Amino acid sequence: MHQLIGKKNKITLYILFLLILSTTSGEFVENKNRYFFQINIEGASITDKEKISNELNNILYENILLIDKEVLKKIISKYNIIEKYSIKKVYPSTINIKIIPTKFVARLSGNNQLVGANGKLIEDKENREILPYIFGEFNTKDFLNFKKKISQSKFTFTKFKMLYFFPSNRWDILTYDNILIKLPQENISKSLNLAYKIIVSNDFNNKNLIDLRVNNHLIIK
């Protein structure tokens, strides 16, 4: 009799255990469906879109109300190809991310890295754009500052064949006409405009060097 009661108790415990498991599993699936949302990425290449989506997968089952935009920004900002982006939550279950890729403005010498207009380096072995080469070790701040000075002058990057950055924080430029422009550390825009004026002038023919490194001194060869 005792054995029969013991077996009945065990069976009852098993049934209760199974009921608890099925209930918990059912709640998990329900919550999963309740909090599932999709992320739409616009403006990125297929490859970059896949990479970004894969990184965002681990938050796909969170409540959209709890998604911190700073977390999304941290993930997106890791991609140097991105110039600008916007994030918009569309309740109840969608996040739209719009990306504006940076434009390539130069190449690094000796490797497959391109320099974006945002000053960041991007690896792209397939890119075949004709871009000026940059020699020397520079940081984003150096490049963006120099790029700004160029935009304030009469020159554009399309006029440059090569750029050389020196540890003294000074730049040299070689144009597509094979004219080497040696720039000072300061007054870059003013010096660029002077070099431009000399290049387009008919008074200085067969020139291949414009040296503006010393203040108030001009050397033309």
Protein backbone atom coordinates (compact mmCIF):
# COMPACT_ATOMS: atom_id res chain seq x y z
CA MET A 1 0.00 0.00 0.00
CA HIS A 2 2.85 2.34 0.92
CA GLN A 3 4.61 1.59 -2.36
CA LEU A 4 1.43 2.37 -4.34
CA ILE A 5 1.00 5.74 -2.59
CA GLY A 6 4.70 6.51 -3.18
CA LYS A 7 4.35 5.79 -6.91
CA LYS A 8 1.25 7.98 -7.13
CA ASN A 9 3.10 10.82 -5.40
CA LYS A 10 6.02 10.50 -7.83
CA ILE A 11 3.69 10.54 -10.84
CA THR A 12 1.93 13.60 -9.45
CA LEU A 13 5.27 15.36 -8.94
CA TYR A 14 6.33 14.52 -12.51
CA ILE A 15 3.08 15.93 -13.90
CA LEU A 16 3.46 19.11 -11.85
CA PHE A 17 7.07 19.45 -13.00
CA LEU A 18 6.08 19.12 -16.66
CA LEU A 19 3.29 21.65 -16.23
CA ILE A 20 5.75 24.17 -14.70
CA LEU A 21 8.21 23.65 -17.56
CA SER A 22 5.58 24.05 -20.26
CA THR A 23 4.17 27.17 -18.59
CA THR A 24 7.63 28.75 -18.24
CA SER A 25 8.49 27.89 -21.84
CA GLY A 26 5.19 29.32 -23.04
CA GLU A 27 5.79 32.58 -21.17
CA PHE A 28 9.31 32.85 -22.64
CA VAL A 29 8.01 32.46 -26.19
CA GLU A 30 5.23 34.92 -25.52
CA ASN A 31 7.66 37.50 -24.13
CA LYS A 32 10.00 36.88 -27.00
CA ASN A 33 7.25 37.62 -29.51
CA ARG A 34 6.06 40.60 -27.52
CA TYR A 35 9.46 42.30 -27.47
CA PHE A 36 10.72 41.25 -30.92
CA PHE A 37 11.31 44.17 -33.27
CA GLN A 38 13.11 44.73 -36.53
CA ILE A 39 15.93 47.11 -37.45
CA ASN A 40 15.88 48.73 -40.89
CA ILE A 41 19.23 50.06 -42.12
CA GLU A 42 19.25 52.44 -45.07
CA GLY A 43 22.23 53.85 -46.98
CA ALA A 44 24.90 51.28 -46.14
CA SER A 45 26.42 48.76 -48.53
CA ILE A 46 25.16 45.17 -48.35
CA THR A 47 28.34 44.05 -46.60
CA ASP A 48 28.29 46.83 -44.00
CA LYS A 49 24.56 46.38 -43.47
CA GLU A 50 25.10 42.70 -42.66
CA LYS A 51 27.95 43.49 -40.27
CA ILE A 52 25.95 46.12 -38.41
CA SER A 53 22.84 43.90 -38.29
CA ASN A 54 24.86 41.03 -36.83
CA GLU A 55 26.16 43.28 -34.05
CA LEU A 56 22.67 44.49 -33.27
CA ASN A 57 21.20 40.97 -33.11
CA ASN A 58 21.90 40.60 -29.40
CA ILE A 59 19.40 43.36 -28.56
CA LEU A 60 16.61 42.29 -30.90
CA TYR A 61 14.61 40.69 -28.09
CA GLU A 62 14.73 43.61 -25.70
CA ASN A 63 11.77 45.86 -25.06
CA ILE A 64 11.97 48.75 -27.55
CA LEU A 65 11.20 51.14 -24.68
CA LEU A 66 14.39 50.01 -22.95
CA ILE A 67 16.72 50.23 -25.96
CA ASP A 68 19.31 52.90 -25.24
CA LYS A 69 20.20 54.94 -28.31
CA GLU A 70 23.71 55.36 -26.93
CA VAL A 71 24.19 51.60 -27.27
CA LEU A 72 23.16 51.80 -30.92
CA LYS A 73 25.41 54.82 -31.50
CA LYS A 74 28.38 53.01 -29.97
CA ILE A 75 27.95 50.09 -32.37
CA ILE A 76 27.37 52.23 -35.47
CA SER A 77 30.23 54.62 -34.72
CA LYS A 78 32.74 51.77 -34.92
CA TYR A 79 32.37 51.74 -38.70
CA ASN A 80 34.75 54.28 -40.24
CA ILE A 81 32.84 54.30 -43.52
CA ILE A 82 29.99 56.21 -41.86
CA GLU A 83 30.00 60.01 -42.14
CA LYS A 84 26.59 60.70 -40.55
CA TYR A 85 23.65 58.67 -39.29
CA SER A 86 20.26 59.06 -37.66
CA ILE A 87 18.29 56.66 -35.45
CA LYS A 88 14.51 56.72 -35.18
CA LYS A 89 12.31 54.49 -33.05
CA VAL A 90 8.98 53.67 -34.69
CA TYR A 91 6.72 52.23 -32.01
CA PRO A 92 5.81 49.58 -31.24
CA SER A 93 8.39 47.38 -32.98
CA THR A 94 10.73 49.07 -35.46
CA ILE A 95 14.00 51.00 -35.37
CA ASN A 96 15.05 52.85 -38.54
CA ILE A 97 18.73 53.69 -39.01
CA LYS A 98 19.69 56.01 -41.88
CA ILE A 99 23.36 56.06 -42.82
CA ILE A 100 25.29 58.52 -45.01
CA PRO A 101 28.63 56.97 -46.05
CA THR A 102 31.73 59.15 -46.14
CA LYS A 103 33.32 60.07 -49.46
CA PHE A 104 36.82 58.85 -50.26
CA VAL A 105 39.28 61.72 -50.75
CA ALA A 106 42.70 60.05 -50.72
CA ARG A 107 44.70 56.80 -50.43
CA LEU A 108 47.41 55.84 -48.04
CA SER A 109 50.63 54.83 -49.76
CA GLY A 110 51.65 51.20 -49.52
CA ASN A 111 48.33 49.60 -48.51
CA ASN A 112 44.64 49.29 -49.37
CA GLN A 113 43.42 51.91 -46.92
CA LEU A 114 41.45 54.90 -48.12
CA VAL A 115 41.02 58.18 -46.30
CA GLY A 116 37.43 59.33 -45.85
CA ALA A 117 36.22 62.91 -45.79
CA ASN A 118 35.59 62.24 -42.08
CA GLY A 119 39.36 61.76 -41.59
CA LYS A 120 39.04 58.05 -40.83
CA LEU A 121 40.81 55.17 -42.57
CA ILE A 122 38.74 52.60 -44.46
CA GLU A 123 40.00 49.32 -45.91
CA ASP A 124 38.64 48.74 -49.40
CA LYS A 125 40.58 46.44 -51.72
CA GLU A 126 38.00 46.72 -54.49
CA ASN A 127 37.95 50.50 -54.82
CA ARG A 128 39.48 51.77 -58.07
CA GLU A 129 38.85 55.51 -57.75
CA ILE A 130 41.62 57.83 -58.86
CA LEU A 131 42.59 59.59 -55.65
CA PRO A 132 45.67 61.43 -54.39
CA TYR A 133 48.13 59.42 -52.30
CA ILE A 134 49.14 60.51 -48.80
CA PHE A 135 52.60 59.78 -47.43
CA GLY A 136 53.51 60.09 -43.76
CA GLU A 137 51.85 59.34 -40.42
CA PHE A 138 49.03 61.70 -39.52
CA ASN A 139 46.01 61.62 -37.23
CA THR A 140 42.40 62.50 -37.94
CA LYS A 141 42.72 65.94 -36.38
CA ASP A 142 45.73 66.80 -38.58
CA PHE A 143 43.98 65.70 -41.73
CA LEU A 144 40.61 67.35 -41.06
CA ASN A 145 42.33 70.62 -40.18
CA PHE A 146 44.34 70.52 -43.42
CA LYS A 147 41.26 69.54 -45.42
CA LYS A 148 39.39 72.52 -43.99
CA LYS A 149 42.21 74.86 -45.01
CA ILE A 150 42.08 73.49 -48.55
CA SER A 151 38.32 74.03 -48.75
CA GLN A 152 38.93 77.66 -47.75
CA SER A 153 41.38 78.10 -50.63
CA LYS A 154 41.00 77.96 -54.43
CA PHE A 155 42.31 74.39 -54.52
CA THR A 156 40.42 71.11 -54.28
CA PHE A 157 41.71 67.60 -53.61
CA THR A 158 41.11 66.72 -57.26
CA LYS A 159 44.06 68.97 -58.15
CA PHE A 160 46.47 66.98 -56.00
CA LYS A 161 48.45 63.94 -57.06
CA MET A 162 50.28 63.32 -53.79
CA LEU A 163 50.37 64.79 -50.30
CA TYR A 164 53.23 64.48 -47.82
CA PHE A 165 52.77 64.96 -44.09
CA PHE A 166 55.85 65.61 -41.94
CA PRO A 167 56.30 65.10 -38.17
CA SER A 168 56.75 68.88 -37.88
CA ASN A 169 53.01 69.14 -38.71
CA ARG A 170 53.72 70.51 -42.17
CA TRP A 171 52.38 69.44 -45.58
CA ASP A 172 53.84 69.31 -49.08
CA ILE A 173 51.62 68.91 -52.14
CA LEU A 174 52.37 67.57 -55.61
CA THR A 175 49.85 68.66 -58.24
CA TYR A 176 48.90 66.68 -61.35
CA ASP A 177 51.08 69.13 -63.28
CA ASN A 178 54.02 67.82 -61.19
CA ILE A 179 54.46 71.10 -59.33
CA LEU A 180 55.64 70.60 -55.76
CA ILE A 181 54.19 73.08 -53.25
CA LYS A 182 56.00 73.30 -49.91
CA LEU A 183 53.64 74.79 -47.35
CA PRO A 184 54.38 76.48 -44.00
CA GLN A 185 52.97 75.26 -40.70
CA GLU A 186 50.64 78.25 -40.43
CA ASN A 187 48.64 80.48 -42.79
CA ILE A 188 47.98 77.46 -45.00
CA SER A 189 44.93 78.83 -46.84
CA LYS A 190 46.73 82.07 -47.63
CA SER A 191 49.78 80.15 -48.88
CA LEU A 192 47.63 77.86 -51.02
CA ASN A 193 45.95 80.83 -52.65
CA LEU A 194 49.35 82.36 -53.42
CA ALA A 195 50.52 79.07 -54.94
CA TYR A 196 47.34 78.89 -57.02
CA LYS A 197 47.89 82.42 -58.28
CA ILE A 198 51.46 81.55 -59.28
CA ILE A 199 50.41 78.35 -61.06
CA VAL A 200 47.74 80.03 -63.21
CA SER A 201 49.96 83.01 -63.95
CA ASN A 202 51.84 83.25 -67.25
CA ASP A 203 54.72 85.03 -65.53
CA PHE A 204 56.17 81.83 -64.11
CA ASN A 205 56.62 79.25 -66.86
CA ASN A 206 58.26 75.82 -66.52
CA LYS A 207 58.02 75.94 -62.76
CA ASN A 208 58.15 72.70 -60.74
CA LEU A 209 58.72 74.01 -57.20
CA ILE A 210 56.92 76.64 -55.12
CA ASP A 211 58.47 76.94 -51.68
CA LEU A 212 56.40 78.90 -49.15
CA ARG A 213 57.84 77.50 -45.94
CA VAL A 214 59.50 80.71 -44.76
CA ASN A 215 57.25 83.61 -43.88
CA ASN A 216 57.47 86.51 -46.40
CA HIS A 217 59.82 84.48 -48.59
CA LEU A 218 58.97 82.88 -51.93
CA ILE A 219 61.16 80.45 -53.84
CA ILE A 220 60.17 79.33 -57.32
CA LYS A 221 62.16 76.90 -59.44
